[in-house]
N, C-alpha and C. Protein backbone atom coordinates (compact mmCIF):
# COMPACT_ATOMS: atom_id res chain seq x y z
N MET A 1 -0.96 -2.15 -1.49
CA MET A 1 -0.63 -0.80 -1.04
C MET A 1 0.61 -0.28 -1.76
N ARG A 2 1.49 -1.18 -2.13
CA ARG A 2 2.68 -0.74 -2.86
C ARG A 2 2.30 -0.07 -4.19
N GLU A 3 1.27 -0.58 -4.84
CA GLU A 3 0.81 0.05 -6.08
C GLU A 3 0.19 1.41 -5.81
N ALA A 4 -0.50 1.55 -4.70
CA ALA A 4 -1.04 2.86 -4.31
C ALA A 4 0.09 3.85 -4.04
N LEU A 5 1.16 3.38 -3.43
CA LEU A 5 2.33 4.24 -3.20
C LEU A 5 2.94 4.70 -4.53
N LYS A 6 2.95 3.83 -5.52
CA LYS A 6 3.45 4.23 -6.85
C LYS A 6 2.58 5.34 -7.44
N GLU A 7 1.28 5.23 -7.22
CA GLU A 7 0.37 6.29 -7.68
C GLU A 7 0.64 7.59 -6.93
N ALA A 8 0.90 7.49 -5.63
CA ALA A 8 1.20 8.68 -4.82
C ALA A 8 2.46 9.38 -5.33
N GLU A 9 3.43 8.62 -5.79
CA GLU A 9 4.65 9.20 -6.35
C GLU A 9 4.32 10.05 -7.58
N LYS A 10 3.36 9.61 -8.37
CA LYS A 10 2.94 10.38 -9.55
C LYS A 10 2.39 11.74 -9.12
N ALA A 11 1.58 11.73 -8.06
CA ALA A 11 1.03 12.99 -7.55
C ALA A 11 2.16 13.90 -7.07
N ARG A 12 3.05 13.34 -6.28
CA ARG A 12 4.19 14.10 -5.75
C ARG A 12 4.99 14.73 -6.89
N ASP A 13 5.24 13.96 -7.93
CA ASP A 13 6.04 14.44 -9.06
C ASP A 13 5.36 15.57 -9.82
N LYS A 14 4.03 15.69 -9.68
CA LYS A 14 3.28 16.79 -10.31
C LYS A 14 3.07 17.95 -9.34
N GLY A 15 3.65 17.86 -8.15
CA GLY A 15 3.49 18.92 -7.16
C GLY A 15 2.20 18.83 -6.37
N GLU A 16 1.52 17.71 -6.49
CA GLU A 16 0.27 17.48 -5.76
C GLU A 16 0.57 16.77 -4.45
N VAL A 17 -0.33 16.88 -3.49
CA VAL A 17 -0.19 16.12 -2.24
C VAL A 17 -0.12 14.64 -2.63
N PRO A 18 0.91 13.94 -2.20
CA PRO A 18 1.13 12.57 -2.67
C PRO A 18 0.20 11.52 -2.04
N VAL A 19 -0.95 11.40 -2.65
CA VAL A 19 -1.91 10.37 -2.25
C VAL A 19 -2.21 9.53 -3.48
N GLY A 20 -2.18 8.22 -3.30
CA GLY A 20 -2.48 7.31 -4.40
C GLY A 20 -3.48 6.26 -3.96
N ALA A 21 -4.19 5.72 -4.95
CA ALA A 21 -5.21 4.71 -4.65
C ALA A 21 -5.31 3.71 -5.79
N VAL A 22 -5.69 2.49 -5.43
CA VAL A 22 -5.99 1.46 -6.42
C VAL A 22 -7.23 0.69 -5.97
N VAL A 23 -7.99 0.22 -6.95
CA VAL A 23 -9.14 -0.63 -6.68
C VAL A 23 -8.80 -2.02 -7.18
N ILE A 24 -9.03 -3.00 -6.31
CA ILE A 24 -8.70 -4.39 -6.60
C ILE A 24 -9.97 -5.23 -6.69
N ARG A 25 -10.03 -6.07 -7.71
CA ARG A 25 -11.09 -7.07 -7.82
C ARG A 25 -10.43 -8.38 -8.19
N GLU A 26 -10.71 -9.40 -7.41
CA GLU A 26 -10.17 -10.74 -7.65
C GLU A 26 -8.66 -10.71 -7.86
N GLY A 27 -7.97 -9.92 -7.04
CA GLY A 27 -6.52 -9.87 -7.08
C GLY A 27 -5.92 -9.03 -8.19
N LYS A 28 -6.76 -8.37 -8.99
CA LYS A 28 -6.26 -7.55 -10.10
C LYS A 28 -6.68 -6.10 -9.93
N ILE A 29 -5.79 -5.21 -10.32
CA ILE A 29 -6.09 -3.78 -10.26
C ILE A 29 -7.01 -3.42 -11.42
N ILE A 30 -8.17 -2.83 -11.08
CA ILE A 30 -9.10 -2.39 -12.13
C ILE A 30 -9.29 -0.87 -12.13
N GLY A 31 -8.67 -0.20 -11.18
CA GLY A 31 -8.75 1.25 -11.14
C GLY A 31 -7.54 1.82 -10.41
N ARG A 32 -7.03 2.93 -10.93
CA ARG A 32 -5.89 3.62 -10.32
C ARG A 32 -6.20 5.11 -10.26
N GLY A 33 -5.61 5.76 -9.27
CA GLY A 33 -5.78 7.20 -9.20
C GLY A 33 -4.73 7.83 -8.31
N PHE A 34 -4.41 9.08 -8.60
CA PHE A 34 -3.54 9.86 -7.73
C PHE A 34 -4.08 11.28 -7.69
N ASN A 35 -3.79 11.97 -6.60
CA ASN A 35 -4.32 13.32 -6.40
C ASN A 35 -3.99 14.22 -7.59
N GLN A 36 -5.02 14.92 -8.09
CA GLN A 36 -4.83 15.84 -9.21
C GLN A 36 -5.71 17.08 -9.14
N PRO A 37 -6.14 17.52 -7.96
CA PRO A 37 -7.04 18.68 -7.95
C PRO A 37 -6.39 19.95 -8.47
N ILE A 38 -5.10 20.16 -8.19
CA ILE A 38 -4.44 21.39 -8.63
C ILE A 38 -4.16 21.32 -10.12
N SER A 39 -3.44 20.28 -10.54
CA SER A 39 -3.07 20.18 -11.96
C SER A 39 -4.28 19.96 -12.85
N GLY A 40 -5.31 19.34 -12.33
CA GLY A 40 -6.51 19.10 -13.12
C GLY A 40 -7.56 20.18 -12.96
N CYS A 41 -7.26 21.18 -12.10
CA CYS A 41 -8.22 22.26 -11.82
C CYS A 41 -9.59 21.66 -11.50
N ASN A 42 -9.57 20.66 -10.62
CA ASN A 42 -10.78 19.89 -10.32
C ASN A 42 -10.81 19.57 -8.83
N PRO A 43 -11.69 20.20 -8.07
CA PRO A 43 -11.70 19.99 -6.62
C PRO A 43 -12.04 18.58 -6.17
N VAL A 44 -12.63 17.77 -7.03
CA VAL A 44 -12.97 16.40 -6.64
C VAL A 44 -12.00 15.36 -7.20
N ALA A 45 -10.89 15.80 -7.75
CA ALA A 45 -9.92 14.87 -8.35
C ALA A 45 -8.98 14.30 -7.29
N HIS A 46 -9.58 13.70 -6.27
CA HIS A 46 -8.79 13.01 -5.25
C HIS A 46 -8.48 11.61 -5.77
N ALA A 47 -7.41 11.03 -5.24
CA ALA A 47 -6.96 9.71 -5.69
C ALA A 47 -8.06 8.67 -5.62
N GLU A 48 -8.80 8.66 -4.51
CA GLU A 48 -9.85 7.66 -4.32
C GLU A 48 -10.95 7.80 -5.37
N VAL A 49 -11.40 9.03 -5.60
CA VAL A 49 -12.48 9.27 -6.56
C VAL A 49 -12.05 8.83 -7.96
N LEU A 50 -10.83 9.19 -8.34
CA LEU A 50 -10.35 8.83 -9.68
C LEU A 50 -10.20 7.31 -9.83
N ALA A 51 -9.71 6.64 -8.79
CA ALA A 51 -9.58 5.18 -8.84
C ALA A 51 -10.95 4.52 -8.91
N LEU A 52 -11.91 5.03 -8.15
CA LEU A 52 -13.27 4.47 -8.19
C LEU A 52 -13.91 4.69 -9.55
N GLN A 53 -13.70 5.86 -10.14
CA GLN A 53 -14.25 6.14 -11.47
C GLN A 53 -13.69 5.18 -12.51
N GLU A 54 -12.38 4.98 -12.49
CA GLU A 54 -11.77 4.07 -13.45
C GLU A 54 -12.26 2.64 -13.25
N ALA A 55 -12.38 2.23 -11.99
CA ALA A 55 -12.86 0.88 -11.69
C ALA A 55 -14.31 0.70 -12.15
N ALA A 56 -15.14 1.69 -11.93
CA ALA A 56 -16.53 1.61 -12.36
C ALA A 56 -16.64 1.51 -13.88
N ALA A 57 -15.80 2.28 -14.57
CA ALA A 57 -15.79 2.20 -16.04
C ALA A 57 -15.34 0.81 -16.49
N HIS A 58 -14.33 0.29 -15.83
CA HIS A 58 -13.83 -1.05 -16.16
C HIS A 58 -14.90 -2.11 -15.91
N ALA A 59 -15.61 -1.97 -14.79
CA ALA A 59 -16.64 -2.95 -14.41
C ALA A 59 -17.95 -2.72 -15.15
N ASP A 60 -18.05 -1.56 -15.79
CA ASP A 60 -19.31 -1.15 -16.43
C ASP A 60 -20.46 -1.17 -15.43
N ASN A 61 -20.13 -0.70 -14.21
CA ASN A 61 -21.12 -0.68 -13.14
C ASN A 61 -20.62 0.28 -12.07
N TYR A 62 -21.50 1.15 -11.59
CA TYR A 62 -21.08 2.09 -10.55
C TYR A 62 -21.01 1.43 -9.17
N ARG A 63 -21.52 0.23 -9.06
CA ARG A 63 -21.45 -0.52 -7.81
C ARG A 63 -20.26 -1.48 -7.89
N LEU A 64 -19.40 -1.39 -6.90
CA LEU A 64 -18.16 -2.16 -6.89
C LEU A 64 -18.14 -3.09 -5.67
N VAL A 65 -19.22 -3.83 -5.48
CA VAL A 65 -19.43 -4.63 -4.26
C VAL A 65 -18.37 -5.71 -4.04
N ASP A 66 -17.73 -6.15 -5.07
CA ASP A 66 -16.73 -7.21 -4.92
C ASP A 66 -15.30 -6.67 -4.98
N CYS A 67 -15.14 -5.37 -4.67
CA CYS A 67 -13.84 -4.72 -4.80
C CYS A 67 -13.33 -4.17 -3.47
N GLU A 68 -12.02 -3.96 -3.44
CA GLU A 68 -11.36 -3.32 -2.31
C GLU A 68 -10.61 -2.10 -2.81
N LEU A 69 -10.65 -1.04 -2.03
CA LEU A 69 -9.93 0.19 -2.34
C LEU A 69 -8.75 0.32 -1.40
N TYR A 70 -7.56 0.47 -1.96
CA TYR A 70 -6.35 0.71 -1.18
C TYR A 70 -5.93 2.16 -1.42
N VAL A 71 -5.70 2.90 -0.35
CA VAL A 71 -5.32 4.30 -0.47
C VAL A 71 -4.26 4.62 0.57
N THR A 72 -3.31 5.46 0.20
CA THR A 72 -2.16 5.72 1.07
C THR A 72 -2.48 6.59 2.27
N LEU A 73 -3.55 7.37 2.22
CA LEU A 73 -3.92 8.28 3.29
C LEU A 73 -5.38 8.10 3.65
N GLU A 74 -5.70 8.21 4.91
CA GLU A 74 -7.08 8.12 5.37
C GLU A 74 -7.96 9.08 4.56
N PRO A 75 -9.03 8.58 3.98
CA PRO A 75 -9.90 9.41 3.14
C PRO A 75 -10.58 10.56 3.88
N CYS A 76 -10.87 11.61 3.12
CA CYS A 76 -11.62 12.76 3.61
C CYS A 76 -13.11 12.45 3.57
N THR A 77 -13.92 13.39 3.98
CA THR A 77 -15.37 13.20 4.00
C THR A 77 -15.93 12.95 2.60
N MET A 78 -15.48 13.73 1.62
CA MET A 78 -15.97 13.54 0.26
C MET A 78 -15.66 12.14 -0.24
N CYS A 79 -14.43 11.70 -0.02
CA CYS A 79 -14.03 10.38 -0.49
C CYS A 79 -14.74 9.27 0.28
N ALA A 80 -14.98 9.49 1.57
CA ALA A 80 -15.73 8.51 2.36
C ALA A 80 -17.13 8.33 1.77
N GLY A 81 -17.75 9.42 1.36
CA GLY A 81 -19.06 9.33 0.72
C GLY A 81 -18.99 8.56 -0.59
N ALA A 82 -17.97 8.82 -1.38
CA ALA A 82 -17.81 8.10 -2.65
C ALA A 82 -17.58 6.61 -2.40
N ILE A 83 -16.84 6.30 -1.36
CA ILE A 83 -16.58 4.90 -1.00
C ILE A 83 -17.88 4.19 -0.65
N ILE A 84 -18.70 4.84 0.15
CA ILE A 84 -19.99 4.26 0.54
C ILE A 84 -20.89 4.08 -0.68
N HIS A 85 -21.00 5.12 -1.49
CA HIS A 85 -21.90 5.07 -2.64
C HIS A 85 -21.45 4.10 -3.73
N SER A 86 -20.15 3.84 -3.79
CA SER A 86 -19.65 2.88 -4.79
C SER A 86 -19.84 1.44 -4.32
N ARG A 87 -20.13 1.28 -3.03
CA ARG A 87 -20.39 -0.04 -2.45
C ARG A 87 -19.18 -0.96 -2.44
N VAL A 88 -17.96 -0.37 -2.35
CA VAL A 88 -16.80 -1.25 -2.23
C VAL A 88 -16.94 -2.10 -0.97
N LYS A 89 -16.38 -3.26 -1.03
CA LYS A 89 -16.47 -4.18 0.09
C LYS A 89 -15.62 -3.70 1.28
N ARG A 90 -14.39 -3.21 0.94
CA ARG A 90 -13.46 -2.85 2.01
C ARG A 90 -12.56 -1.73 1.54
N VAL A 91 -12.24 -0.82 2.45
CA VAL A 91 -11.25 0.21 2.20
C VAL A 91 -10.06 -0.07 3.12
N VAL A 92 -8.87 0.01 2.54
CA VAL A 92 -7.62 -0.22 3.27
C VAL A 92 -6.79 1.04 3.10
N PHE A 93 -6.33 1.63 4.22
CA PHE A 93 -5.49 2.81 4.07
C PHE A 93 -4.24 2.72 4.91
N GLY A 94 -3.25 3.54 4.54
CA GLY A 94 -1.96 3.53 5.20
C GLY A 94 -1.88 4.49 6.37
N ALA A 95 -1.69 5.76 6.08
CA ALA A 95 -1.46 6.78 7.10
C ALA A 95 -2.76 7.41 7.58
N LEU A 96 -2.78 7.74 8.86
CA LEU A 96 -3.89 8.52 9.40
C LEU A 96 -3.79 9.95 8.89
N GLU A 97 -4.92 10.64 8.78
CA GLU A 97 -4.97 12.04 8.39
C GLU A 97 -5.58 12.80 9.56
N PRO A 98 -4.74 13.26 10.52
CA PRO A 98 -5.27 13.84 11.75
C PRO A 98 -6.12 15.09 11.57
N LYS A 99 -5.92 15.85 10.50
CA LYS A 99 -6.68 17.08 10.31
C LYS A 99 -8.04 16.86 9.66
N ALA A 100 -8.11 15.94 8.69
CA ALA A 100 -9.35 15.81 7.93
C ALA A 100 -9.77 14.37 7.67
N GLY A 101 -9.17 13.43 8.36
CA GLY A 101 -9.51 12.03 8.14
C GLY A 101 -10.95 11.75 8.55
N ALA A 102 -11.70 11.10 7.66
CA ALA A 102 -13.13 10.90 7.90
C ALA A 102 -13.50 9.46 8.20
N LEU A 103 -12.49 8.60 8.44
CA LEU A 103 -12.80 7.22 8.80
C LEU A 103 -12.50 6.94 10.27
N ILE A 104 -11.44 7.59 10.80
CA ILE A 104 -11.04 7.38 12.19
C ILE A 104 -10.70 8.71 12.87
N SER A 105 -9.86 9.51 12.24
CA SER A 105 -9.23 10.66 12.91
C SER A 105 -10.18 11.77 13.33
N GLN A 106 -11.04 12.23 12.45
CA GLN A 106 -11.95 13.33 12.77
C GLN A 106 -13.41 12.92 12.73
N ALA A 107 -13.71 11.90 12.00
CA ALA A 107 -15.09 11.42 11.90
C ALA A 107 -15.05 9.92 11.63
N ARG A 108 -16.13 9.29 11.90
CA ARG A 108 -16.28 7.86 11.61
C ARG A 108 -17.44 7.70 10.62
N THR A 109 -17.22 8.28 9.46
CA THR A 109 -18.26 8.35 8.44
C THR A 109 -18.82 6.99 8.06
N LEU A 110 -17.96 5.99 7.98
CA LEU A 110 -18.43 4.66 7.58
C LEU A 110 -19.37 4.04 8.62
N GLU A 111 -19.35 4.58 9.83
CA GLU A 111 -20.16 4.02 10.91
C GLU A 111 -21.44 4.82 11.19
N LEU A 112 -21.68 5.87 10.45
CA LEU A 112 -22.88 6.68 10.70
C LEU A 112 -24.13 5.82 10.57
N PRO A 113 -25.02 5.89 11.52
CA PRO A 113 -26.18 4.99 11.53
C PRO A 113 -27.13 5.15 10.34
N PHE A 114 -27.15 6.33 9.74
CA PHE A 114 -28.07 6.55 8.62
C PHE A 114 -27.52 6.10 7.28
N MET A 115 -26.26 5.68 7.24
CA MET A 115 -25.71 5.16 5.98
C MET A 115 -26.33 3.79 5.70
N ASN A 116 -26.73 3.59 4.47
CA ASN A 116 -27.46 2.37 4.11
C ASN A 116 -26.56 1.24 3.62
N TYR A 117 -25.26 1.41 3.77
CA TYR A 117 -24.32 0.37 3.33
C TYR A 117 -23.12 0.39 4.27
N ARG A 118 -22.61 -0.75 4.61
CA ARG A 118 -21.47 -0.85 5.51
C ARG A 118 -20.23 -1.31 4.73
N VAL A 119 -19.16 -0.59 4.95
CA VAL A 119 -17.88 -0.87 4.30
C VAL A 119 -16.90 -1.35 5.37
N GLU A 120 -16.23 -2.44 5.10
CA GLU A 120 -15.17 -2.90 6.00
C GLU A 120 -13.99 -1.95 5.89
N MET A 121 -13.19 -1.88 6.95
CA MET A 121 -12.06 -0.96 6.94
C MET A 121 -10.85 -1.61 7.61
N THR A 122 -9.68 -1.38 7.02
CA THR A 122 -8.41 -1.79 7.61
C THR A 122 -7.49 -0.58 7.56
N ALA A 123 -6.93 -0.21 8.70
CA ALA A 123 -6.06 0.96 8.78
C ALA A 123 -4.63 0.54 9.08
N GLY A 124 -3.68 1.38 8.67
CA GLY A 124 -2.29 1.21 9.06
C GLY A 124 -1.45 0.29 8.20
N VAL A 125 -1.90 -0.04 7.00
CA VAL A 125 -1.12 -0.90 6.12
C VAL A 125 0.01 -0.07 5.49
N LEU A 126 1.23 -0.50 5.70
CA LEU A 126 2.43 0.24 5.27
C LEU A 126 2.38 1.69 5.76
N GLU A 127 1.89 1.83 6.98
CA GLU A 127 1.67 3.16 7.56
C GLU A 127 2.93 4.02 7.57
N ASP A 128 4.06 3.46 7.95
CA ASP A 128 5.29 4.24 8.03
C ASP A 128 5.69 4.79 6.66
N GLU A 129 5.61 3.96 5.64
CA GLU A 129 5.98 4.40 4.29
C GLU A 129 5.02 5.47 3.78
N CYS A 130 3.75 5.26 4.02
CA CYS A 130 2.74 6.22 3.57
C CYS A 130 2.91 7.55 4.30
N SER A 131 3.13 7.49 5.62
CA SER A 131 3.31 8.70 6.42
C SER A 131 4.56 9.46 6.01
N GLU A 132 5.63 8.72 5.76
CA GLU A 132 6.90 9.35 5.38
C GLU A 132 6.76 10.10 4.06
N MET A 133 6.05 9.55 3.11
CA MET A 133 5.88 10.23 1.83
C MET A 133 5.16 11.57 2.01
N ILE A 134 4.11 11.56 2.80
CA ILE A 134 3.35 12.79 3.05
C ILE A 134 4.22 13.79 3.83
N SER A 135 4.87 13.31 4.89
CA SER A 135 5.71 14.19 5.72
C SER A 135 6.83 14.83 4.91
N ALA A 136 7.50 14.03 4.09
CA ALA A 136 8.61 14.55 3.27
C ALA A 136 8.10 15.61 2.29
N PHE A 137 6.92 15.38 1.72
CA PHE A 137 6.35 16.34 0.78
C PHE A 137 6.12 17.69 1.47
N PHE A 138 5.46 17.67 2.63
CA PHE A 138 5.16 18.93 3.31
C PHE A 138 6.40 19.59 3.89
N LYS A 139 7.39 18.80 4.30
CA LYS A 139 8.65 19.36 4.77
C LYS A 139 9.34 20.10 3.63
N ALA A 140 9.39 19.48 2.46
CA ALA A 140 10.01 20.13 1.30
C ALA A 140 9.25 21.39 0.91
N ARG A 141 7.95 21.34 1.01
CA ARG A 141 7.14 22.52 0.68
C ARG A 141 7.43 23.67 1.65
N ARG A 142 7.50 23.35 2.95
CA ARG A 142 7.81 24.39 3.95
C ARG A 142 9.20 24.98 3.71
N GLU A 143 10.17 24.12 3.41
CA GLU A 143 11.53 24.59 3.15
C GLU A 143 11.59 25.48 1.93
N ALA A 144 10.84 25.13 0.90
CA ALA A 144 10.81 25.96 -0.32
C ALA A 144 10.19 27.33 -0.03
N LYS A 145 9.14 27.36 0.76
CA LYS A 145 8.52 28.65 1.11
C LYS A 145 9.47 29.50 1.93
N LYS A 146 10.18 28.86 2.86
CA LYS A 146 11.14 29.57 3.69
C LYS A 146 12.27 30.14 2.83
N ALA A 147 12.77 29.36 1.90
CA ALA A 147 13.84 29.81 1.00
C ALA A 147 13.36 30.97 0.13
N GLU A 148 12.11 30.91 -0.32
CA GLU A 148 11.56 31.98 -1.14
C GLU A 148 11.43 33.27 -0.33
N LYS A 149 11.02 33.16 0.91
CA LYS A 149 10.94 34.35 1.78
C LYS A 149 12.32 34.96 1.97
N GLN A 150 13.32 34.12 2.18
CA GLN A 150 14.69 34.59 2.34
C GLN A 150 15.18 35.27 1.06
N ARG A 151 14.87 34.68 -0.07
CA ARG A 151 15.28 35.26 -1.35
C ARG A 151 14.65 36.63 -1.55
N LEU A 152 13.37 36.76 -1.19
CA LEU A 152 12.69 38.04 -1.36
C LEU A 152 13.23 39.10 -0.42
N LYS A 153 13.68 38.70 0.77
CA LYS A 153 14.27 39.65 1.71
C LYS A 153 15.58 40.21 1.17
N LEU A 154 16.32 39.38 0.41
CA LEU A 154 17.60 39.81 -0.14
C LEU A 154 17.46 40.71 -1.35
N CYS A 155 16.29 40.72 -1.94
CA CYS A 155 16.09 41.55 -3.15
C CYS A 155 15.89 43.00 -2.85
């Protein structure tokens, strides 16, 4: 998860929501990703999707049955689908995503009866650190918007 946090820092430094992900096989990282939908002008450039893509290219196989995905924030519905379709063995995440989390918070996508593959899940790994990174990002964003409003009032 510490490596996923490093990826999240890359997203934060680009002005993206700080989410990072890594794919592990046999104790080695084979895929990395950080949120890039804004800078990449790509609505599907979430950390999980990018890490899964890199891992699949590394494995030369779109099925990652012997891999684990570590991500700093509970995945959304799109990413939950990618996780299922990639056939990762287990997804591990840090912070809950109360607004759009698709594993626990708003939906239990991995448990839907019509899904033809089951993914193990572990929640809350380095939860405080992962939550703090997200919270600090949005706090700074709110403060910047407030300062900009104040600046415009003075003009």
